[in-house]
């Protein structure tokens, strides 16, 4: 795939040359019948229900007992067919869409538990759909793409993606990532018993998951909110990078720790914090980050 230029326009990407199945297929076993299954139309959703004995009621304690729904927005049949079969075997319900329009329609009508989203689609960039999903919905999103450049990964994370997987990938690793993201989403969705926190001009309500700056609502991605809540809850104390990754992402996080720096940078911009003379979010080099106490922020 071509490297993204960083813009989020709805224009269609240039036509792609035909690609060999060996370069895009995921490493899962397929049966002859599964491989010969009819492909999905670009604008028609396809639903796959798991067999009764495929669902493991205890695979993630604390999750809903109903099978989780995963929406796969991908136009390559060499990926959708084996991946749908793999997810079904793992107890997930799946829906597939081969275009941005179909993916957005399913996301709004069915509200899946997680979206697997390809970057390059027939009617535009997956980043456009990610932006639409983040505008009014909080469902987790994992990007699936052949684009491995750092600029593309950073762009996806800045737009609110929960994880980023580069093709080709193994079904086992992807399922592990899906479950890790769903666990984090379930934990974050649980209301906190802590009260409203206020430091300087920032007011954070953990239960309502709202943040205001100088009385004005502040739009944060889910990860930005979780980072801010953890740092404000430990105001005046240095929070290590390892703890931030473990608690906001996952103890088994597969990705680069650079994602932490990307989200901290995004937080600073939204808080109007100057990195050279921060009022709120201070970097402790080689260790982690420290959020200012109320009296320190007021004195700045």
Foldseek 3Di string as FASTA:
>chain_A
DDDDPLDQDQAADPDDDDDDLVFFAAPDDDDPVLLPDDFDDQQDKDKDAAPPVLADQVPDPPDDSQAFEEEEAAQDSSHPRRLCVLVSSNRHMYMYHQALVNSLVCCVPVVGQEYEFEQHGRRGGSLNSLLVCLVPHQRAYEYEYQDDDPSVVLSSVLSAHLYYDHPHYHSVVVVVQVVQVSVLVSVQQDADPDAWFDAAQWIAGSRVLWIDGVNHTFRDHSLLSVLVVVQSVVAPDFDFLQNSCCNSRRNPDPDDSVSVVSSVVVNCVSNVADQVHGLFWDADPPGGIHGHGRVSSVVD
